[in-house]
Amino acid sequence: MNARETALKVLQEVEAGTRKSEEVLNRMLDHSEAGRSDRALARELVNGTLKYRRQCDFVISKFYSHDYAKAAPVLKNILRIGVYQLLHLDRVPRPAAVDECVKLARKYKGDHLSRLVNGVLRKISPKTVELEAWTEGMDEAQRLSVLYSYPDWLVVRWLGRYGRELTERMLACGNLPPATGYRVNRLKGSFDKLAETAGLPDLRRSGDGLDDFFFTREFASMEPLLTAGLVSVQNPAQGLACLLAAPEPGTVVYDMCAAPGGKSTFMAELMNDTGRIIALDRSARKLERVAANAKALGITIIEPREGDALTFDPGCTPDTILLDAPCTGTGVLGRRAELRWRSGPEKLDELAALQAALLDRAAELLRPGGILLYATCSLEAEENEQQLGSFLDRHPEFEPAPFPKGFPDPFLPTEETGGRLLTLPGEREGFDGGFAARLRKREIS
């Protein structure tokens, strides 16, 4: 398979199921003999086509002479791949973008529909597409959803909560190539030592008191450091949740939804690899990855456990519980584009109910005086502030806990929030969006 057919197969599988696009793409590339340039193009086509699906469909409908809504999914994805290249990938020659999609249509849908694909794509170019004019009469939410390619329901919500200026900034940020963040393993060194000895170009330190974090686009240069356990892949926004939890060395931590393990390993580093971290997940395969990452980092205190967080008994009373809850992921849509099209109001309600049940289970297990850190990669109030408020109403034995000593000053809120933190996409370069809240279970009097 060439890059475009690989991308098509990934899009088909992602659309038909619940797997992450990156997982599906990596699996296909692992069984492919494609060269470096084809692999890069396949990745670009998958991520870009997923991000711009709404916009691509809008453009296609302007040139498609039949009822586009009734088109076969494979035909839609072939056309989307073509339109994404024609409008957003300047480096791809126009004839190649059209001809390769025509070949795909012939292979998967026959000569008749290959001619249809050819006819549609040959009409589409930056000169023939007038998004500003075509969306001028739409209401604000619909217009932005087409221009930035997001679902209407989400744009409506963000406009209502964040206003137009901030919403546009967040939408635009989600369409940029996501920065890859790394964390220096403090058990094996420091950023300064790493920068000196590794001779790596293009290192951009996160700053603002997050001394262990940096960004770089030189992924190939990072692979030996990842293998040696000198660094981990982690966005600094995720690291902030661990710093907010502030687990003490020698204590017991329960990470209720641990995979892929980035927060477990960072907490282990914060604890100087002393104490215990029980890392739970429902997937044995993902737990193998957690264990492998911990071994590479030289961490010995992580205990991977398989089970359902709603019923699992850790066999102890943890001092700290981290609940990084399943969520809509609206803070990481630039990194996981398929989530734009998998979430909706119904999914939001379903996840909010699961989060509440997980919080109630955490409340049962935590020792009096212990810390519960609730985190999501969502920007939605139902999963964050409202979820927290409902939990505190149900559990008067809990109270908001202040930010721990040593928490980076630039991330402290300007007004009292009771140990709550919200980061927004585009607020700081490279940072994901997400929410975290620190709660304490009152001592028994």
Protein backbone atom coordinates (compact mmCIF):
# COMPACT_ATOMS: atom_id res chain seq x y z
CA MET A 1 0.00 0.00 0.00
CA ASN A 2 1.15 3.53 -0.70
CA ALA A 3 0.66 6.43 1.71
CA ARG A 4 -2.81 7.37 0.47
CA GLU A 5 -4.18 3.84 0.63
CA THR A 6 -2.74 3.41 4.11
CA ALA A 7 -4.41 6.64 5.17
CA LEU A 8 -7.71 5.49 3.65
CA LYS A 9 -7.62 2.18 5.52
CA VAL A 10 -6.84 3.94 8.80
CA LEU A 11 -9.71 6.40 8.30
CA GLN A 12 -12.09 3.56 7.51
CA GLU A 13 -11.14 1.61 10.62
CA VAL A 14 -11.24 4.65 12.89
CA GLU A 15 -14.66 5.67 11.58
CA ALA A 16 -16.06 2.18 12.10
CA GLY A 17 -14.77 1.67 15.65
CA THR A 18 -13.38 3.25 18.78
CA ARG A 19 -9.63 2.77 18.30
CA LYS A 20 -7.27 5.74 18.39
CA SER A 21 -6.11 6.81 14.94
CA GLU A 22 -2.48 6.78 16.06
CA GLU A 23 -2.74 3.20 17.30
CA VAL A 24 -4.33 2.03 14.04
CA LEU A 25 -1.80 3.93 11.92
CA ASN A 26 1.19 2.64 13.89
CA ARG A 27 -0.06 -0.93 13.59
CA MET A 28 -0.41 -0.61 9.81
CA LEU A 29 2.97 1.06 9.41
CA ASP A 30 4.61 -1.65 11.53
CA HIS A 31 3.50 -4.17 8.89
CA SER A 32 4.43 -1.95 5.97
CA GLU A 33 7.61 -1.63 3.93
CA ALA A 34 6.89 2.04 3.24
CA GLY A 35 9.84 4.41 3.27
CA ARG A 36 10.26 7.40 5.53
CA SER A 37 8.59 9.91 3.18
CA ASP A 38 5.56 7.65 2.59
CA ARG A 39 5.19 7.09 6.33
CA ALA A 40 5.29 10.82 6.97
CA LEU A 41 2.72 11.47 4.25
CA ALA A 42 0.39 8.76 5.56
CA ARG A 43 0.55 10.29 9.04
CA GLU A 44 -0.08 13.77 7.66
CA LEU A 45 -3.06 12.58 5.61
CA VAL A 46 -4.66 10.74 8.52
CA ASN A 47 -4.29 13.57 11.01
CA GLY A 48 -5.12 16.35 8.56
CA THR A 49 -8.12 14.64 7.01
CA LEU A 50 -9.55 13.85 10.45
CA LYS A 51 -9.08 17.43 11.61
CA TYR A 52 -10.56 19.00 8.48
CA ARG A 53 -13.37 16.48 7.92
CA ARG A 54 -16.17 19.00 8.55
CA GLN A 55 -14.62 21.55 6.22
CA CYS A 56 -13.84 18.95 3.54
CA ASP A 57 -17.44 17.70 3.57
CA PHE A 58 -18.72 21.27 3.26
CA VAL A 59 -16.47 21.93 0.25
CA ILE A 60 -17.25 18.60 -1.43
CA SER A 61 -20.99 19.23 -1.13
CA LYS A 62 -20.54 22.39 -3.23
CA PHE A 63 -19.15 20.36 -6.15
CA TYR A 64 -20.85 16.98 -5.71
CA SER A 65 -23.81 16.66 -8.07
CA HIS A 66 -25.59 13.89 -6.13
CA ASP A 67 -26.71 13.55 -2.50
CA TYR A 68 -23.35 13.54 -0.71
CA ALA A 69 -24.94 12.44 2.58
CA LYS A 70 -25.82 9.11 0.94
CA ALA A 71 -22.33 8.47 -0.48
CA ALA A 72 -20.53 5.33 0.72
CA PRO A 73 -18.11 5.93 3.63
CA VAL A 74 -15.10 4.79 1.58
CA LEU A 75 -16.01 7.24 -1.21
CA LYS A 76 -16.35 10.07 1.31
CA ASN A 77 -12.95 9.32 2.77
CA ILE A 78 -11.28 9.19 -0.65
CA LEU A 79 -12.75 12.59 -1.49
CA ARG A 80 -11.76 14.00 1.91
CA ILE A 81 -8.16 12.84 1.43
CA GLY A 82 -8.13 14.52 -1.96
CA VAL A 83 -9.64 17.80 -0.77
CA TYR A 84 -7.33 17.98 2.25
CA GLN A 85 -4.32 17.71 -0.06
CA LEU A 86 -5.68 20.24 -2.56
CA LEU A 87 -6.50 22.87 0.04
CA HIS A 88 -3.96 22.32 2.83
CA LEU A 89 -0.87 20.55 1.47
CA ASP A 90 1.00 22.89 -0.86
CA ARG A 91 3.92 20.49 -1.22
CA VAL A 92 1.78 17.80 -2.88
CA PRO A 93 1.50 18.36 -6.64
CA ARG A 94 -2.11 18.85 -7.69
CA PRO A 95 -2.04 16.10 -10.39
CA ALA A 96 -0.69 13.58 -7.89
CA ALA A 97 -3.36 14.43 -5.32
CA VAL A 98 -6.15 13.95 -7.88
CA ASP A 99 -4.78 10.96 -9.78
CA GLU A 100 -3.94 8.89 -6.70
CA CYS A 101 -7.46 9.41 -5.30
CA VAL A 102 -8.94 8.42 -8.65
CA LYS A 103 -6.91 5.18 -8.51
CA LEU A 104 -8.22 4.50 -5.00
CA ALA A 105 -11.79 5.06 -6.13
CA ARG A 106 -11.31 2.68 -9.08
CA LYS A 107 -9.84 0.00 -6.78
CA TYR A 108 -12.52 0.25 -4.09
CA LYS A 109 -15.63 1.43 -5.99
CA GLY A 110 -15.05 0.76 -9.69
CA ASP A 111 -14.65 2.83 -12.87
CA HIS A 112 -17.94 4.73 -12.61
CA LEU A 113 -17.19 6.28 -9.23
CA SER A 114 -13.54 6.83 -10.12
CA ARG A 115 -14.79 9.14 -12.88
CA LEU A 116 -17.00 10.89 -10.33
CA VAL A 117 -14.00 11.42 -8.01
CA ASN A 118 -11.98 12.75 -10.91
CA GLY A 119 -14.73 15.18 -11.87
CA VAL A 120 -15.21 16.52 -8.34
CA LEU A 121 -11.54 16.90 -7.40
CA ARG A 122 -10.55 18.58 -10.66
CA LYS A 123 -13.02 21.39 -9.87
CA ILE A 124 -11.56 22.04 -6.41
CA SER A 125 -8.61 24.34 -5.77
CA PRO A 126 -7.80 27.29 -3.49
CA LYS A 127 -9.04 29.54 -6.33
CA THR A 128 -12.46 27.87 -6.63
CA VAL A 129 -13.14 27.46 -2.91
CA GLU A 130 -14.50 30.62 -1.29
CA LEU A 131 -15.09 29.66 2.34
CA GLU A 132 -15.42 33.23 3.62
CA ALA A 133 -18.08 34.08 1.05
CA TRP A 134 -19.92 30.76 1.33
CA THR A 135 -20.18 31.03 5.14
CA GLU A 136 -20.96 34.74 5.32
CA GLY A 137 -24.68 34.27 5.91
CA MET A 138 -24.33 31.54 8.55
CA ASP A 139 -24.71 32.10 12.26
CA GLU A 140 -21.46 32.55 14.13
CA ALA A 141 -21.18 29.01 15.49
CA GLN A 142 -21.88 27.33 12.13
CA ARG A 143 -19.48 29.64 10.34
CA LEU A 144 -16.63 28.94 12.75
CA SER A 145 -17.36 25.22 12.67
CA VAL A 146 -16.80 25.22 8.89
CA LEU A 147 -13.82 27.58 8.84
CA TYR A 148 -11.97 25.68 11.59
CA SER A 149 -13.62 22.27 11.05
CA TYR A 150 -15.14 21.46 14.43
CA PRO A 151 -18.57 20.03 15.31
CA ASP A 152 -21.28 22.68 15.64
CA TRP A 153 -22.32 21.61 19.15
CA LEU A 154 -18.84 22.14 20.54
CA VAL A 155 -18.36 25.57 18.95
CA VAL A 156 -21.72 26.67 20.39
CA ARG A 157 -20.58 25.60 23.86
CA TRP A 158 -17.19 27.30 23.65
CA LEU A 159 -18.66 30.55 22.35
CA GLY A 160 -21.09 30.58 25.27
CA ARG A 161 -18.39 29.94 27.85
CA TYR A 162 -15.24 31.54 26.47
CA GLY A 163 -16.45 34.20 24.02
CA ARG A 164 -15.49 34.61 20.38
CA GLU A 165 -11.87 35.75 20.66
CA LEU A 166 -10.74 32.97 22.98
CA THR A 167 -12.82 30.36 21.15
CA GLU A 168 -11.23 31.25 17.80
CA ARG A 169 -7.78 31.03 19.37
CA MET A 170 -8.54 27.58 20.76
CA LEU A 171 -10.01 26.38 17.46
CA ALA A 172 -6.99 27.62 15.53
CA CYS A 173 -4.59 26.04 18.03
CA GLY A 174 -6.24 22.65 17.56
CA ASN A 175 -5.43 22.73 13.85
CA LEU A 176 -1.72 23.37 14.32
CA PRO A 177 0.75 20.45 14.26
CA PRO A 178 0.84 19.36 17.92
CA ALA A 179 4.10 19.93 19.73
CA THR A 180 5.70 16.87 21.32
CA GLY A 181 6.54 17.46 24.96
CA TYR A 182 9.20 15.54 26.86
CA ARG A 183 10.03 15.17 30.54
CA VAL A 184 13.56 14.69 31.80
CA ASN A 185 13.85 11.74 34.16
CA ARG A 186 14.96 13.46 37.35
CA LEU A 187 16.14 10.11 38.74
CA LYS A 188 18.85 10.04 36.06
CA GLY A 189 19.72 13.69 35.46
CA SER A 190 18.53 17.21 34.70
CA PHE A 191 17.64 19.28 31.67
CA ASP A 192 20.96 21.15 31.78
CA LYS A 193 22.95 17.91 31.94
CA LEU A 194 20.89 16.41 29.12
CA ALA A 195 21.31 19.47 26.90
CA GLU A 196 25.08 19.45 27.52
CA THR A 197 25.79 15.79 26.89
CA ALA A 198 23.23 14.82 24.27
CA GLY A 199 24.10 17.60 21.82
CA LEU A 200 20.48 17.89 20.74
CA PRO A 201 19.37 20.73 18.47
CA ASP A 202 16.03 22.52 18.68
CA LEU A 203 15.30 22.03 22.39
CA ARG A 204 12.73 24.50 23.67
CA ARG A 205 12.39 24.46 27.42
CA SER A 206 8.88 24.73 28.80
CA GLY A 207 9.94 27.31 31.38
CA ASP A 208 7.60 28.88 33.97
CA GLY A 209 9.01 26.66 36.71
CA LEU A 210 8.49 23.39 34.83
CA ASP A 211 12.21 22.67 34.72
CA ASP A 212 11.87 19.02 33.72
CA PHE A 213 9.86 19.68 30.54
CA PHE A 214 10.84 20.68 27.03
CA PHE A 215 9.61 20.53 23.44
CA THR A 216 11.42 19.45 20.29
CA ARG A 217 10.49 18.42 16.75
CA GLU A 218 13.60 16.24 16.45
CA PHE A 219 11.88 12.98 17.30
CA ALA A 220 14.54 10.79 15.66
CA SER A 221 17.17 12.35 17.93
CA MET A 222 15.04 11.56 20.98
CA GLU A 223 14.66 7.83 20.36
CA PRO A 224 18.00 6.82 21.98
CA LEU A 225 17.16 8.95 25.03
CA LEU A 226 13.72 7.37 25.33
CA THR A 227 15.24 3.89 25.06
CA ALA A 228 17.83 4.75 27.73
CA GLY A 229 15.12 6.06 30.05
CA LEU A 230 16.59 9.55 30.22
CA VAL A 231 13.36 11.16 29.03
CA SER A 232 9.66 10.36 28.66
CA VAL A 233 7.04 11.70 26.30
CA GLN A 234 4.68 13.89 28.33
CA ASN A 235 2.98 17.22 27.75
CA PRO A 236 3.69 19.67 30.57
CA ALA A 237 -0.06 20.19 31.10
CA GLN A 238 -0.22 16.54 32.21
CA GLY A 239 2.79 17.07 34.43
CA LEU A 240 1.00 19.90 36.23
CA ALA A 241 -1.59 17.42 37.52
CA CYS A 242 1.17 15.34 39.12
CA LEU A 243 2.75 18.43 40.68
CA LEU A 244 -0.67 19.35 42.03
CA ALA A 245 -1.05 15.87 43.54
CA ALA A 246 2.42 16.27 45.13
CA PRO A 247 2.80 12.70 46.41
CA GLU A 248 5.29 12.35 49.27
CA PRO A 249 8.24 9.94 49.10
CA GLY A 250 7.55 6.71 50.95
CA THR A 251 3.75 6.96 50.66
CA VAL A 252 1.18 4.83 48.83
CA VAL A 253 -0.36 6.20 45.62
CA TYR A 254 -3.22 4.64 43.68
CA ASP A 255 -3.45 5.68 40.00
CA MET A 256 -6.96 4.54 39.09
CA CYS A 257 -6.77 4.89 35.28
CA ALA A 258 -3.04 4.65 34.72
CA ALA A 259 -2.33 3.77 31.07
CA PRO A 260 -0.20 4.77 29.25
CA GLY A 261 1.59 5.48 32.54
CA GLY A 262 3.03 8.97 32.10
CA LYS A 263 1.53 10.27 35.31
CA SER A 264 2.50 7.14 37.28
CA THR A 265 6.12 7.42 36.22
CA PHE A 266 6.31 11.17 36.91
CA MET A 267 4.84 10.66 40.38
CA ALA A 268 7.42 7.93 40.99
CA GLU A 269 10.16 10.40 40.06
CA LEU A 270 8.64 13.01 42.39
CA MET A 271 8.70 10.36 45.14
CA ASN A 272 12.38 9.55 44.47
CA ASP A 273 11.27 5.99 43.66
CA THR A 274 10.35 5.26 47.27
CA GLY A 275 6.96 4.05 48.47
CA ARG A 276 4.34 2.33 46.28
CA ILE A 277 2.33 3.27 43.20
CA ILE A 278 -0.51 0.93 42.27
CA ALA A 279 -1.15 1.56 38.56
CA LEU A 280 -4.52 0.17 37.48
CA ASP A 281 -5.90 -0.29 33.99
CA ARG A 282 -8.42 -2.55 32.29
CA SER A 283 -6.05 -3.43 29.44
CA ALA A 284 -3.30 -5.99 30.02
CA ARG A 285 -1.61 -4.85 26.80
CA LYS A 286 -1.45 -1.24 27.99
CA LEU A 287 -0.14 -2.35 31.36
CA GLU A 288 2.75 -4.10 29.62
CA ARG A 289 3.66 -0.73 28.16
CA VAL A 290 3.45 0.90 31.61
CA ALA A 291 5.79 -1.75 33.02
CA ALA A 292 8.23 -1.38 30.10
CA ASN A 293 8.34 2.39 30.47
CA ALA A 294 8.94 2.12 34.22
CA LYS A 295 11.78 -0.37 33.66
CA ALA A 296 13.47 1.89 31.10
CA LEU A 297 13.23 4.83 33.51
CA GLY A 298 14.76 2.81 36.35
CA ILE A 299 11.57 3.00 38.42
CA THR A 300 10.87 0.13 40.80
CA ILE A 301 7.85 1.24 42.85
CA ILE A 302 5.12 0.97 40.19
CA GLU A 303 2.88 -2.10 40.53
CA PRO A 304 0.78 -2.59 37.35
CA ARG A 305 -2.62 -4.12 38.15
CA GLU A 306 -5.38 -5.18 35.77
CA GLY A 307 -8.97 -4.46 36.75
CA ASP A 308 -12.04 -2.23 36.65
CA ALA A 309 -11.57 0.93 38.71
CA LEU A 310 -15.21 0.84 39.82
CA THR A 311 -14.74 -2.48 41.63
CA PHE A 312 -10.99 -3.04 42.07
CA ASP A 313 -9.70 -3.36 45.64
CA PRO A 314 -6.09 -2.13 45.96
CA GLY A 315 -5.75 -4.05 49.24
CA CYS A 316 -4.61 -0.97 51.14
CA THR A 317 -5.69 2.54 52.10
CA PRO A 318 -3.85 4.92 49.76
CA ASP A 319 -2.37 8.22 50.92
CA THR A 320 -2.95 9.75 47.47
CA ILE A 321 -5.36 8.78 44.73
CA LEU A 322 -5.00 10.10 41.20
CA LEU A 323 -8.14 9.81 39.09
CA ASP A 324 -7.26 10.83 35.54
CA ALA A 325 -10.79 10.16 34.39
CA PRO A 326 -12.09 9.05 30.98
CA CYS A 327 -13.48 12.19 29.31
CA THR A 328 -14.46 13.82 26.02
CA GLY A 329 -10.87 15.00 25.51
CA THR A 330 -11.88 18.44 24.23
CA GLY A 331 -8.60 19.87 25.54
CA VAL A 332 -6.51 17.63 23.26
CA LEU A 333 -8.41 17.75 19.95
CA GLY A 334 -5.26 18.93 18.18
CA ARG A 335 -3.55 15.72 19.26
CA ARG A 336 -6.52 13.33 18.89
CA ALA A 337 -8.51 14.69 15.98
CA GLU A 338 -10.97 11.77 15.82
CA LEU A 339 -12.41 12.85 19.18
CA ARG A 340 -14.00 15.83 17.43
CA TRP A 341 -16.40 13.45 15.71
CA ARG A 342 -16.85 10.86 18.46
CA SER A 343 -18.11 13.15 21.19
CA GLY A 344 -21.43 14.91 21.55
CA PRO A 345 -23.94 15.92 24.23
CA GLU A 346 -25.03 12.29 24.76
CA LYS A 347 -21.43 11.09 25.11
CA LEU A 348 -20.73 13.96 27.49
CA ASP A 349 -23.62 12.86 29.75
CA GLU A 350 -22.45 9.24 29.64
CA LEU A 351 -18.89 10.15 30.61
CA ALA A 352 -20.01 12.55 33.35
CA ALA A 353 -21.96 9.70 34.97
CA LEU A 354 -18.91 7.42 34.81
CA GLN A 355 -16.68 10.13 36.28
CA ALA A 356 -19.08 10.58 39.19
CA ALA A 357 -19.06 6.85 39.90
CA LEU A 358 -15.25 6.74 39.79
CA LEU A 359 -15.01 9.70 42.15
CA ASP A 360 -17.37 7.99 44.60
CA ARG A 361 -15.19 4.87 44.49
CA ALA A 362 -12.07 6.94 45.11
CA ALA A 363 -13.76 8.56 48.10
CA GLU A 364 -14.35 5.12 49.64
CA LEU A 365 -10.75 4.04 49.28
CA LEU A 366 -8.75 7.11 50.32
CA ARG A 367 -7.46 7.32 53.88
CA PRO A 368 -8.65 10.21 56.08
CA GLY A 369 -6.24 13.09 55.58
CA GLY A 370 -5.30 11.81 52.14
CA ILE A 371 -5.26 13.68 48.84
CA LEU A 372 -7.56 13.00 45.89
CA LEU A 373 -6.39 14.51 42.60
CA TYR A 374 -9.11 14.61 39.95
CA ALA A 375 -7.95 15.34 36.39
CA THR A 376 -9.37 15.39 32.87
CA CYS A 377 -8.18 16.52 29.46
CA SER A 378 -11.56 18.17 28.93
CA LEU A 379 -12.62 21.82 28.85
CA GLU A 380 -16.28 21.10 29.60
CA ALA A 381 -17.80 22.28 32.87
CA GLU A 382 -19.92 19.12 33.27
CA GLU A 383 -16.72 17.08 33.48
CA ASN A 384 -14.77 19.60 35.54
CA GLU A 385 -16.18 22.34 37.80
CA GLN A 386 -19.73 20.98 37.89
CA GLN A 387 -18.48 17.44 38.46
CA LEU A 388 -16.35 18.67 41.32
CA GLY A 389 -19.20 20.66 42.86
CA SER A 390 -21.55 17.67 42.75
CA PHE A 391 -18.90 15.45 44.33
CA LEU A 392 -18.38 17.86 47.23
CA ASP A 393 -22.15 18.01 47.76
CA ARG A 394 -22.29 14.21 47.97
CA HIS A 395 -19.16 13.91 50.11
CA PRO A 396 -18.99 16.52 52.86
CA GLU A 397 -15.99 14.64 54.25
CA PHE A 398 -13.96 16.18 51.40
CA GLU A 399 -12.78 19.75 51.04
CA PRO A 400 -10.75 21.66 48.42
CA ALA A 401 -7.05 21.49 49.25
CA PRO A 402 -4.71 24.43 48.57
CA PHE A 403 -1.93 24.32 46.01
CA PRO A 404 1.08 22.44 47.45
CA LYS A 405 4.30 24.22 48.36
CA GLY A 406 6.65 24.53 45.43
CA PHE A 407 3.91 24.52 42.80
CA PRO A 408 5.12 26.67 39.84
CA ASP A 409 4.10 30.29 40.51
CA PRO A 410 3.19 31.15 36.88
CA PHE A 411 0.41 28.56 37.00
CA LEU A 412 -1.14 29.73 40.25
CA PRO A 413 -4.51 31.38 39.54
CA THR A 414 -4.91 35.10 40.13
CA GLU A 415 -7.95 34.43 42.32
CA GLU A 416 -8.65 31.74 44.91
CA THR A 417 -9.79 28.52 43.23
CA GLY A 418 -9.28 26.00 46.00
CA GLY A 419 -6.55 23.96 44.32
CA ARG A 420 -8.19 23.90 40.87
CA LEU A 421 -6.35 24.44 37.61
CA LEU A 422 -7.61 24.83 34.02
CA THR A 423 -5.25 25.09 31.05
CA LEU A 424 -6.60 26.11 27.63
CA PRO A 425 -5.22 25.27 24.17
CA GLY A 426 -3.29 28.24 22.80
CA GLU A 427 -2.85 29.78 26.24
CA ARG A 428 0.79 28.67 26.36
CA GLU A 429 2.66 27.42 23.33
CA GLY A 430 2.64 23.63 23.13
CA PHE A 431 0.42 23.07 26.19
CA ASP A 432 -2.60 20.80 26.01
CA GLY A 433 -5.88 21.82 27.57
CA GLY A 434 -7.05 20.15 30.74
CA PHE A 435 -8.40 20.41 34.27
CA ALA A 436 -7.11 19.27 37.66
CA ALA A 437 -8.40 19.68 41.19
CA ARG A 438 -6.79 18.80 44.53
CA LEU A 439 -9.09 17.61 47.34
CA ARG A 440 -8.39 16.47 50.89
CA LYS A 441 -10.39 13.92 52.89
CA ARG A 442 -10.95 15.32 56.36
CA GLU A 443 -9.43 13.54 59.34
CA ILE A 444 -11.85 11.61 61.53
CA SER A 445 -12.39 13.62 64.71
